[in-house]
Structure formats: C-alpha cells, structure tokens
Amino acid sequence: MAVRRLREVDLAGSGAEPLEAEDPPVIGSIPLVGRLGTGGMGRVYLGVHDGKYAAVKQLLPSVVAEDKDFLRRFGHELDNLARLPASATAPLLASDRTARPPWFAGAYVPGLTLREAVELQGGSLPADSLWLLLRDSASGLAAVHALDMVHRDVKPSNVMLTLDGLTLIDFGVARAAEQSQLTRTGMVVGTPAYMSPEQASGARQLGGAVDVFALGSVVVYAACGRPPFGDESGHGVLYRIVHEQPDLDPLRALDPELAEVVASCLDKDPEGRPTAVELLELASRHGPFTDPLWPDVVTEQLSERAAFAAKVPELELELDPGPEPEPEVERKSEVRPERPERRRTRVFFAVVPVVVVAAATTIAVQLLPYGSPSDGASGATPSASVPASSLPPSSSPHVSPSGTAEPTKRASSSPNGNGDGDGAKGKG
C-alpha cells in the first residue's frame, strides 16, 4: 500500500515550508512534514524520527547519475559523519546509501544560520557575538581535525546559531584528507568566497588549515555583512584570495584585537595560520559568555525555533489502499474429458532358430514380441525379409545334416529384461 500525505503540521517557528506535490511523504521510515531547503546536491526535509525532529537530506538523482564514483565517496562521507562527536555537529540518526536516491538524516538543529542572523541584525553582529562565534566554531573544528578530517565548506549558511551557542552543519564533503577522491581528480570543493588559497589553486593535499582560513572569512562576514575578498562566485574572487590582501578595515574599527587574530587566519601560507585549538584558547579568554548570547532580535527567533522543536506531534502514517479491485467475472470452467491412463508396453526381441532352404533366395526371420508380464499386453508381430545374398559369408548359418540350420551363437538378453544386455549390442 502507498503512504498518503500526512496530516498537515503547524510549521510556525520551524523555519520549514510545507511539502510540495512532488515531495515524497516518507523517506526510508521517516515521515516528512516540511521542506527545509534545497542545495546543489539535494533537498533537505523536516521529518520525525524516534519522537524527535530530524533534518533528512535526499540527494538529487542527477548527482548520482552523473558521477559513477559518487556512491563510494558518499559511503565514506557517511562513515566519517558517524565518527564525529555530538559537540562538533548534529549527530547522524539514520541513512541509506543503497537507496535510489541515497539519503541520510541528522538531528534537527532549532536555530538560525549565520546568514539569517546577520540579515536580521541588519548587517553585522556585536563584538561579543563575534568572539563567541570564533570560540564555538573553533571548538567544533578542533574535534573534527583531531580525527584527521576537514570540513572543506565552512561558510555562513553552514554555521547554525542556537540559544546555547552554535554548531557546524553539512559535513557532506567531510572525509579523511588522504581519502579524498575529489582532490585526487583535481576537483575543488567549497564556496569560492570562503576558499583558502590552496583550495582555489587546486592543491592536492588539504588539511585543517583550509577550515581555519574559511573561519576567518566567516568572522569578517559576521562583522560587516560581506566576506573579506568579495562575495561573487567567479574567478575574480579566487584571484584576490590567492594574490591580494583581505579588507579588514571594518573589523579593525570594531575590535582591533579580533582583527589581528582574523588576519593570522587569512595568511596565504597554511603554515602561518593558527590551529583550531589555538583559536579556541584565544577566544575563550574573552569569556565568560552569558545569556543572552546573541542580539535580541536573533534571540527572539531562536526562542521560537526551540519552542517548536520541543513539541513533536505524534504522527500516524495513513495508508492508501489504492484503486478498488475490479469485480471478478464468473467464468464457466471447461470440463475436459478424462483421458484414460496410457499404459506403456515394452517389447523385447529374441533371436529364434530359423529354417533355411538351400534353394531359397531369401531368409525369413520372424521376430517374436515379448511383453512385460506386468503390462499384460502384447505388441504386434513384426517380420522382416532379408535377401540371403546380402548376408556376409561370416554370418552364414551352419546347416546340419538333417537340413536344419543351427545358429552359430545364441543371443543373450539382460537378466532384468530391459534390453540393455549383451544381446542388445549385436553379439548374436
């Protein structure tokens, strides 16, 4: 039975939109209640899993079809995502890498992206919020880098602000650095405005320093509403990342100390950048951070998201029985006359003495049928007339003085009577 669309859920405060006609009602065993967004690789839905909301990402069929090696890489990504601690990102709840198309589900984060928060605030966040942003982001990256993994796509839309702090999301391209198929094939992963110089130039070996560079650009965006090298997606921004210095004047006017830390993150040389652990130590010195952690307008929206996530409705799947079955038409069954059981009659041939007349030109051989006693039926009596002149000399019968022909050798039959003894092999 097909699953019907679930009853509508009040999505106020969730950040999700109602499902559209082409959206599936369920993915795997997770019922869907809304759509969270659409990206370049798939759609993200709001579902319910084990009594909690979940963010379910289903990959686009075109992505899988165009890349024969994608499923293998996607499997590595899911394995890496399962290894990440809950403090680094939303934990993985369920997945199916063999589905068509594949999908995975993570815990729903009741928050706002940094991009949404900056727009609500009017283009920039205060200095205290920037230090908190740096601390919590560095904390998540430190946990990722400790597992020899990299995020590769740290950007404002992948940073989720919550009432408790923030978390990094969308580790769809996270994997062990030495296992990256994309870097081996020369492909570049990331958003141009937040790429590091080594990413922009297509370097094969990428480490945690690429995430530190991206984090520096994210802090600049949060401070002035735009990244330090421009926000376009063409080759111009990549050229400036590789060859020019970032624009940090708005950040210096807001907090000179933070500007110096960010400048070190944006060093062209990966070796000149601080590690995520070092950034965590620097930012933690500007605490403690007390509630409310974010500006009032942002906190208000975050409170609505938290209230929505706290009340998960009990959903029951409605099954669609499908179209009514067509009434059966009574058909008269054909009565076929029973056929009598056919009994098999086995016929065996035996060689019997024959009478030869010297003047005759032919030899008459009478073949006597032998029926199986169990069958109780006898077959016809076949006969054959063979010209005597056609017999070879060695097969001429011995004629006794009395005028009767004696066979030179009597044929034998198999003891079981099935005709497969020596007599059947022509020794008679």
Protein backbone atom coordinates (compact mmCIF):
# COMPACT_ATOMS: atom_id res chain seq x y z
CA MET A 1 0.00 0.00 0.00
CA ALA A 2 1.18 3.51 -0.76
CA VAL A 3 1.61 6.03 2.05
CA ARG A 4 -0.65 9.03 1.90
CA ARG A 5 0.43 12.56 2.70
CA LEU A 6 0.43 13.06 6.47
CA ARG A 7 -1.93 15.46 8.07
CA GLU A 8 -0.55 18.98 7.99
CA VAL A 9 1.65 20.04 10.89
CA ASP A 10 1.78 23.63 12.10
CA LEU A 11 5.26 24.69 10.96
CA ALA A 12 5.19 28.13 12.58
CA GLY A 13 8.59 28.88 14.07
CA SER A 14 10.30 25.87 12.45
CA GLY A 15 11.91 27.60 9.50
CA ALA A 16 10.43 24.93 7.21
CA GLU A 17 7.97 25.32 4.36
CA PRO A 18 5.06 22.99 3.56
CA LEU A 19 5.76 20.00 1.39
CA GLU A 20 5.06 20.36 -2.29
CA ALA A 21 3.22 17.95 -4.54
CA GLU A 22 6.39 16.35 -5.89
CA ASP A 23 7.91 15.80 -2.44
CA PRO A 24 7.74 12.26 -1.01
CA PRO A 25 5.59 11.67 2.10
CA VAL A 26 8.29 9.50 3.68
CA ILE A 27 11.99 8.80 3.17
CA GLY A 28 13.00 5.40 4.42
CA SER A 29 10.87 5.00 7.53
CA ILE A 30 10.91 8.73 8.40
CA PRO A 31 7.65 10.62 7.74
CA LEU A 32 8.17 14.11 6.36
CA VAL A 33 6.30 17.22 7.50
CA GLY A 34 8.08 20.07 5.70
CA ARG A 35 10.87 21.24 3.44
CA LEU A 36 13.90 22.95 4.99
CA GLY A 37 15.77 23.87 1.82
CA THR A 38 17.32 22.85 -1.48
CA GLY A 39 21.01 22.79 -2.30
CA GLY A 40 23.24 21.86 -5.18
CA MET A 41 23.40 18.20 -4.15
CA GLY A 42 19.97 17.53 -2.70
CA ARG A 43 16.88 18.60 -0.82
CA VAL A 44 16.60 18.84 2.95
CA TYR A 45 13.30 17.88 4.59
CA LEU A 46 11.94 18.14 8.11
CA GLY A 47 10.92 14.72 9.38
CA VAL A 48 10.14 12.91 12.61
CA HIS A 49 12.45 10.13 13.83
CA ASP A 50 12.06 8.36 17.19
CA GLY A 51 9.93 11.12 18.65
CA LYS A 52 12.25 13.96 17.61
CA TYR A 53 12.56 16.21 14.60
CA ALA A 54 15.20 15.30 12.05
CA ALA A 55 16.75 17.00 9.04
CA VAL A 56 16.59 14.49 6.19
CA LYS A 57 18.82 15.15 3.19
CA GLN A 58 17.96 13.29 -0.01
CA LEU A 59 20.46 13.55 -2.83
CA LEU A 60 19.33 14.60 -6.27
CA PRO A 61 19.11 11.70 -8.75
CA SER A 62 21.09 13.72 -11.28
CA VAL A 63 24.05 13.97 -8.88
CA VAL A 64 24.24 10.20 -8.52
CA ALA A 65 23.70 9.52 -12.23
CA GLU A 66 26.42 11.90 -13.42
CA ASP A 67 29.13 10.56 -11.13
CA LYS A 68 29.69 6.81 -11.22
CA ASP A 69 32.14 7.04 -8.34
CA PHE A 70 29.83 9.12 -6.17
CA LEU A 71 28.21 6.32 -4.18
CA ARG A 72 31.57 5.08 -2.96
CA ARG A 73 32.57 8.58 -1.86
CA PHE A 74 29.16 9.12 -0.30
CA GLY A 75 29.66 5.97 1.75
CA HIS A 76 32.96 7.33 3.05
CA GLU A 77 31.25 10.59 3.96
CA LEU A 78 28.58 8.79 5.98
CA ASP A 79 31.21 6.75 7.78
CA ASN A 80 33.10 9.91 8.67
CA LEU A 81 29.93 11.69 9.76
CA ALA A 82 29.12 8.82 12.12
CA ARG A 83 32.53 9.27 13.75
CA LEU A 84 32.02 12.92 14.61
CA PRO A 85 31.20 13.80 18.23
CA ALA A 86 27.87 15.45 19.02
CA SER A 87 29.74 18.56 20.15
CA ALA A 88 31.02 19.11 16.59
CA THR A 89 27.86 18.79 14.56
CA ALA A 90 24.32 17.42 14.51
CA PRO A 91 24.61 13.65 15.07
CA LEU A 92 23.75 11.19 12.32
CA LEU A 93 20.44 9.42 13.04
CA ALA A 94 19.83 7.18 10.05
CA SER A 95 20.95 6.71 6.45
CA ASP A 96 20.62 4.51 3.39
CA ARG A 97 23.49 4.69 0.94
CA THR A 98 21.96 1.99 -1.28
CA ALA A 99 18.63 3.75 -1.78
CA ARG A 100 17.84 5.38 -5.11
CA PRO A 101 18.48 8.21 -4.47
CA PRO A 102 20.60 7.88 -1.29
CA TRP A 103 19.73 9.85 1.84
CA PHE A 104 20.79 10.50 5.41
CA ALA A 105 19.16 12.10 8.43
CA GLY A 106 20.71 14.21 11.17
CA ALA A 107 19.26 15.76 14.27
CA TYR A 108 17.22 18.88 13.59
CA VAL A 109 19.02 21.98 14.91
CA PRO A 110 16.49 24.54 16.19
CA GLY A 111 18.45 27.58 15.14
CA LEU A 112 19.26 30.17 12.51
CA THR A 113 22.09 30.15 10.04
CA LEU A 114 24.66 32.88 10.47
CA ARG A 115 23.48 34.38 7.21
CA GLU A 116 19.91 34.61 8.53
CA ALA A 117 21.11 36.11 11.83
CA VAL A 118 23.24 38.78 10.12
CA GLU A 119 20.29 39.76 7.92
CA LEU A 120 18.01 40.00 10.97
CA GLN A 121 20.53 42.10 12.84
CA GLY A 122 20.99 44.48 9.92
CA GLY A 123 24.38 43.56 8.52
CA SER A 124 26.71 42.90 11.48
CA LEU A 125 26.94 41.29 14.90
CA PRO A 126 28.44 42.97 18.02
CA ALA A 127 32.00 42.18 19.11
CA ASP A 128 30.96 39.85 21.95
CA SER A 129 28.96 37.75 19.49
CA LEU A 130 31.96 37.61 17.15
CA TRP A 131 34.24 36.21 19.87
CA LEU A 132 31.57 33.65 20.75
CA LEU A 133 31.28 32.77 17.07
CA LEU A 134 35.04 32.25 16.88
CA ARG A 135 35.17 30.18 20.09
CA ASP A 136 32.38 27.73 19.31
CA SER A 137 33.37 27.32 15.66
CA ALA A 138 36.97 26.64 16.64
CA SER A 139 35.77 24.12 19.22
CA GLY A 140 33.86 22.15 16.59
CA LEU A 141 36.74 22.27 14.09
CA ALA A 142 39.23 21.14 16.73
CA ALA A 143 37.17 17.99 17.30
CA VAL A 144 36.98 17.37 13.55
CA HIS A 145 40.67 17.94 12.93
CA ALA A 146 41.58 15.63 15.80
CA LEU A 147 40.04 12.81 13.74
CA ASP A 148 42.19 13.76 10.72
CA MET A 149 39.15 15.14 8.95
CA VAL A 150 38.30 18.50 7.42
CA HIS A 151 35.01 20.23 6.78
CA ARG A 152 36.06 21.92 3.48
CA ASP A 153 32.97 24.12 3.27
CA VAL A 154 32.77 26.38 6.33
CA LYS A 155 30.52 29.31 5.34
CA PRO A 156 27.71 31.38 6.88
CA SER A 157 24.96 29.02 5.74
CA ASN A 158 26.73 26.07 7.41
CA VAL A 159 27.02 27.78 10.80
CA MET A 160 23.86 27.37 12.91
CA LEU A 161 23.25 29.71 15.84
CA THR A 162 21.21 28.33 18.76
CA LEU A 163 20.20 29.53 22.19
CA ASP A 164 23.13 27.54 23.63
CA GLY A 165 25.80 28.69 21.17
CA LEU A 166 26.33 27.38 17.66
CA THR A 167 27.09 24.21 15.72
CA LEU A 168 28.56 23.44 12.33
CA ILE A 169 26.37 21.57 9.87
CA ASP A 170 26.57 19.98 6.43
CA PHE A 171 29.59 17.76 6.64
CA GLY A 172 28.54 16.31 3.28
CA VAL A 173 32.05 16.84 1.94
CA ALA A 174 33.88 15.91 5.14
CA ARG A 175 36.13 12.86 4.88
CA ALA A 176 39.61 11.78 5.85
CA ALA A 177 42.05 14.02 3.98
CA GLU A 178 44.00 11.19 2.41
CA GLN A 179 40.82 9.51 1.14
CA SER A 180 39.54 12.49 -0.84
CA GLN A 181 38.68 11.39 -4.37
CA LEU A 182 37.86 14.96 -5.29
CA THR A 183 41.36 16.24 -4.58
CA ARG A 184 42.93 13.33 -6.44
CA THR A 185 40.88 14.14 -9.55
CA GLY A 186 41.67 17.87 -9.34
CA MET A 187 38.11 18.94 -8.48
CA VAL A 188 37.61 21.75 -5.97
CA VAL A 189 35.09 21.55 -3.14
CA GLY A 190 33.85 24.65 -1.35
CA THR A 191 32.27 28.06 -1.81
CA PRO A 192 34.59 30.43 -3.74
CA ALA A 193 34.31 33.43 -1.39
CA TYR A 194 35.38 31.28 1.59
CA MET A 195 38.02 29.13 -0.05
CA SER A 196 41.64 29.12 1.03
CA PRO A 197 44.41 29.89 -1.48
CA GLU A 198 45.39 26.23 -1.66
CA GLN A 199 41.81 25.26 -2.43
CA ALA A 200 41.49 27.97 -5.07
CA SER A 201 44.70 26.83 -6.76
CA GLY A 202 43.66 23.17 -6.74
CA ALA A 203 46.26 21.86 -4.30
CA ARG A 204 46.07 18.12 -3.81
CA GLN A 205 46.91 17.94 -0.12
CA LEU A 206 44.46 19.82 2.09
CA GLY A 207 44.45 19.87 5.86
CA GLY A 208 42.71 21.61 8.71
CA ALA A 209 44.27 24.95 7.70
CA VAL A 210 41.64 25.32 4.96
CA ASP A 211 38.91 25.38 7.63
CA VAL A 212 40.82 27.98 9.67
CA PHE A 213 41.08 30.26 6.62
CA ALA A 214 37.35 29.85 5.95
CA LEU A 215 36.54 30.60 9.60
CA GLY A 216 38.46 33.87 9.38
CA SER A 217 36.37 34.86 6.37
CA VAL A 218 33.18 33.89 8.20
CA VAL A 219 34.05 36.17 11.14
CA VAL A 220 34.63 39.06 8.74
CA TYR A 221 31.24 38.39 7.16
CA ALA A 222 29.57 38.43 10.58
CA ALA A 223 31.27 41.74 11.39
CA CYS A 224 30.39 43.68 8.24
CA GLY A 225 27.96 41.60 6.15
CA ARG A 226 30.40 40.57 3.42
CA PRO A 227 33.46 38.29 3.14
CA PRO A 228 36.95 39.85 3.04
CA PHE A 229 37.64 39.13 -0.66
CA GLY A 230 34.19 39.82 -2.11
CA ASP A 231 31.13 37.63 -2.36
CA GLU A 232 30.92 36.93 -6.07
CA SER A 233 31.33 33.36 -7.32
CA GLY A 234 33.55 33.94 -10.37
CA HIS A 235 37.28 33.75 -10.98
CA GLY A 236 37.78 37.31 -9.73
CA VAL A 237 37.28 36.41 -6.08
CA LEU A 238 39.56 33.38 -6.43
CA TYR A 239 42.29 35.58 -7.90
CA ARG A 240 42.05 38.02 -4.98
CA ILE A 241 42.17 35.18 -2.46
CA VAL A 242 45.41 33.91 -3.98
CA HIS A 243 47.14 37.23 -4.74
CA GLU A 244 45.63 40.11 -2.72
CA GLN A 245 45.20 41.05 0.93
CA PRO A 246 41.81 40.91 2.68
CA ASP A 247 39.79 44.01 3.55
CA LEU A 248 39.73 44.07 7.36
CA ASP A 249 39.13 47.78 7.95
CA PRO A 250 35.52 47.40 9.21
CA LEU A 251 36.62 44.69 11.65
CA ARG A 252 39.58 46.75 12.88
CA ALA A 253 37.22 49.62 13.60
CA LEU A 254 35.03 47.30 15.64
CA ASP A 255 37.66 45.26 17.53
CA PRO A 256 41.38 45.64 16.68
CA GLU A 257 42.43 42.55 18.67
CA LEU A 258 39.96 40.34 16.88
CA ALA A 259 41.10 41.81 13.55
CA GLU A 260 44.66 40.69 14.26
CA VAL A 261 43.51 37.15 15.07
CA VAL A 262 41.48 37.01 11.88
CA ALA A 263 44.42 38.34 9.84
CA SER A 264 46.50 35.39 11.05
CA CYS A 265 43.72 33.02 9.97
CA LEU A 266 43.83 34.55 6.47
CA ASP A 267 47.57 34.04 5.99
CA LYS A 268 48.36 32.89 2.44
CA ASP A 269 50.71 30.25 3.84
CA PRO A 270 48.87 27.41 5.60
CA GLU A 271 51.80 27.01 7.98
CA GLY A 272 51.39 30.62 9.16
CA ARG A 273 47.80 30.14 10.35
CA PRO A 274 46.88 29.19 13.91
CA THR A 275 45.32 25.81 14.58
CA ALA A 276 41.71 25.40 15.67
CA VAL A 277 42.92 24.51 19.18
CA GLU A 278 44.92 27.74 19.40
CA LEU A 279 41.92 29.77 18.22
CA LEU A 280 39.77 28.08 20.87
CA GLU A 281 42.21 29.13 23.59
CA LEU A 282 42.40 32.73 22.33
CA ALA A 283 38.64 33.18 22.06
CA SER A 284 37.93 31.53 25.42
CA ARG A 285 39.88 34.30 27.18
CA HIS A 286 37.13 36.77 26.20
CA GLY A 287 34.51 34.87 28.16
CA PRO A 288 32.53 34.06 30.06
CA PHE A 289 29.65 34.48 27.65
CA THR A 290 26.33 34.91 29.44
CA ASP A 291 22.73 34.80 28.27
CA PRO A 292 21.50 36.12 26.01
CA LEU A 293 24.35 35.04 23.79
CA TRP A 294 23.06 36.82 20.69
CA PRO A 295 21.35 40.14 19.91
CA ASP A 296 17.72 40.40 21.00
CA VAL A 297 16.20 40.14 17.53
CA VAL A 298 18.17 36.94 16.89
CA THR A 299 17.38 35.51 20.32
CA GLU A 300 13.66 36.02 19.72
CA GLN A 301 13.76 33.93 16.56
CA LEU A 302 15.87 31.29 18.24
CA SER A 303 13.33 31.01 21.05
CA GLU A 304 10.59 30.29 18.52
CA ARG A 305 12.66 27.54 16.93
CA ALA A 306 13.39 25.98 20.32
CA ALA A 307 9.69 26.06 21.25
CA PHE A 308 8.75 24.36 18.01
CA ALA A 309 11.35 21.61 18.47
CA ALA A 310 10.15 20.91 22.00
CA LYS A 311 6.67 19.86 20.83
CA VAL A 312 6.86 16.95 18.43
CA PRO A 313 3.42 15.71 17.36
CA GLU A 314 2.58 12.04 17.29
CA LEU A 315 2.21 11.13 13.66
CA GLU A 316 0.43 8.13 12.25
CA LEU A 317 1.02 7.09 8.70
CA GLU A 318 -2.10 6.90 6.61
CA LEU A 319 -2.09 4.07 4.12
CA ASP A 320 -3.62 4.45 0.70
CA PRO A 321 -5.41 1.22 -0.23
CA GLY A 322 -5.14 2.09 -3.90
CA PRO A 323 -7.84 1.72 -6.55
CA GLU A 324 -10.80 -0.54 -5.94
CA PRO A 325 -10.19 -4.02 -7.36
CA GLU A 326 -12.26 -4.92 -10.41
CA PRO A 327 -15.14 -7.34 -9.70
CA GLU A 328 -14.35 -10.86 -10.68
CA VAL A 329 -16.34 -12.21 -13.61
CA GLU A 330 -17.68 -15.70 -13.06
CA ARG A 331 -16.32 -17.93 -15.73
CA LYS A 332 -17.59 -21.32 -16.63
CA SER A 333 -14.86 -23.77 -16.26
CA GLU A 334 -14.25 -26.07 -19.16
CA VAL A 335 -14.88 -29.68 -18.37
CA ARG A 336 -12.43 -31.78 -20.22
CA PRO A 337 -13.00 -35.48 -20.58
CA GLU A 338 -10.64 -37.51 -18.56
CA ARG A 339 -8.07 -39.24 -20.63
CA PRO A 340 -7.59 -42.91 -19.90
CA GLU A 341 -4.28 -43.68 -18.36
CA ARG A 342 -1.90 -44.69 -21.06
CA ARG A 343 -0.15 -47.91 -20.30
CA ARG A 344 3.28 -48.47 -21.66
CA THR A 345 4.10 -51.75 -23.34
CA ARG A 346 7.68 -52.74 -23.52
CA VAL A 347 8.62 -55.01 -26.40
CA PHE A 348 11.75 -57.11 -26.44
CA PHE A 349 13.14 -59.06 -29.33
CA ALA A 350 14.66 -62.53 -29.15
CA VAL A 351 16.52 -64.49 -31.79
CA VAL A 352 14.98 -67.90 -32.55
CA PRO A 353 16.20 -70.67 -34.80
CA VAL A 354 15.27 -70.29 -38.46
CA VAL A 355 14.86 -72.86 -41.21
CA VAL A 356 16.96 -72.35 -44.28
CA VAL A 357 16.11 -73.95 -47.57
CA ALA A 358 19.19 -74.35 -49.70
CA ALA A 359 17.45 -73.39 -52.90
CA ALA A 360 15.75 -70.39 -51.45
CA THR A 361 16.91 -66.93 -52.28
CA THR A 362 15.67 -65.32 -49.09
CA ILE A 363 15.75 -66.00 -45.39
CA ALA A 364 12.58 -65.30 -43.45
CA VAL A 365 13.22 -64.10 -39.94
CA GLN A 366 10.28 -63.96 -37.56
CA LEU A 367 10.66 -61.56 -34.62
CA LEU A 368 8.53 -62.65 -31.75
CA PRO A 369 7.38 -59.97 -29.33
CA TYR A 370 7.90 -60.37 -25.61
CA GLY A 371 5.68 -58.25 -23.41
CA SER A 372 6.33 -57.36 -19.81
CA PRO A 373 4.22 -59.61 -17.57
CA SER A 374 3.24 -56.66 -15.50
CA ASP A 375 1.80 -54.85 -18.50
CA GLY A 376 -0.42 -57.69 -19.56
CA ALA A 377 -0.42 -56.58 -23.23
CA SER A 378 1.28 -57.91 -26.28
CA GLY A 379 2.51 -55.98 -29.24
CA ALA A 380 2.26 -56.65 -32.95
CA THR A 381 4.41 -59.32 -34.54
CA PRO A 382 6.82 -57.60 -36.86
CA SER A 383 8.63 -59.52 -39.60
CA ALA A 384 11.44 -58.81 -41.96
CA SER A 385 12.55 -60.35 -45.27
CA VAL A 386 16.26 -60.13 -45.93
CA PRO A 387 17.92 -61.37 -49.18
CA ALA A 388 20.29 -64.24 -48.49
CA SER A 389 22.75 -62.92 -50.95
CA SER A 390 23.13 -59.80 -48.90
CA LEU A 391 24.47 -61.63 -45.87
CA PRO A 392 28.22 -61.65 -45.39
CA PRO A 393 29.94 -65.05 -45.53
CA SER A 394 30.87 -64.94 -41.86
CA SER A 395 27.24 -64.75 -40.88
CA SER A 396 26.08 -67.81 -42.88
CA PRO A 397 24.33 -70.29 -40.63
CA HIS A 398 25.70 -73.77 -40.13
CA VAL A 399 23.44 -76.36 -41.79
CA SER A 400 23.09 -79.63 -40.01
CA PRO A 401 22.99 -82.91 -41.93
CA SER A 402 19.29 -83.04 -41.33
CA GLY A 403 18.79 -79.86 -43.29
CA THR A 404 18.06 -77.57 -40.36
CA ALA A 405 20.19 -74.57 -39.72
CA GLU A 406 21.76 -74.14 -36.33
CA PRO A 407 22.78 -70.66 -35.17
CA THR A 408 26.47 -70.24 -34.67
CA LYS A 409 25.84 -68.43 -31.36
CA ARG A 410 22.68 -67.81 -29.38
CA ALA A 411 21.93 -64.25 -28.44
CA SER A 412 21.61 -63.44 -24.76
CA SER A 413 19.43 -60.87 -23.07
CA SER A 414 19.89 -58.90 -19.86
CA PRO A 415 18.59 -60.64 -16.76
CA ASN A 416 16.41 -57.63 -15.95
CA GLY A 417 14.69 -57.76 -19.28
CA ASN A 418 15.21 -54.10 -20.34
CA GLY A 419 17.17 -54.93 -23.44
CA ASP A 420 20.43 -53.38 -22.37
CA GLY A 421 22.39 -56.64 -22.03
CA ASP A 422 25.00 -58.03 -24.34
CA GLY A 423 22.37 -59.25 -26.76
CA ALA A 424 21.37 -55.68 -27.48
CA LYS A 425 24.93 -54.89 -28.51
CA GLY A 426 24.85 -57.05 -31.60
CA LYS A 427 26.82 -60.08 -30.33
CA GLY A 428 24.17 -62.56 -31.56
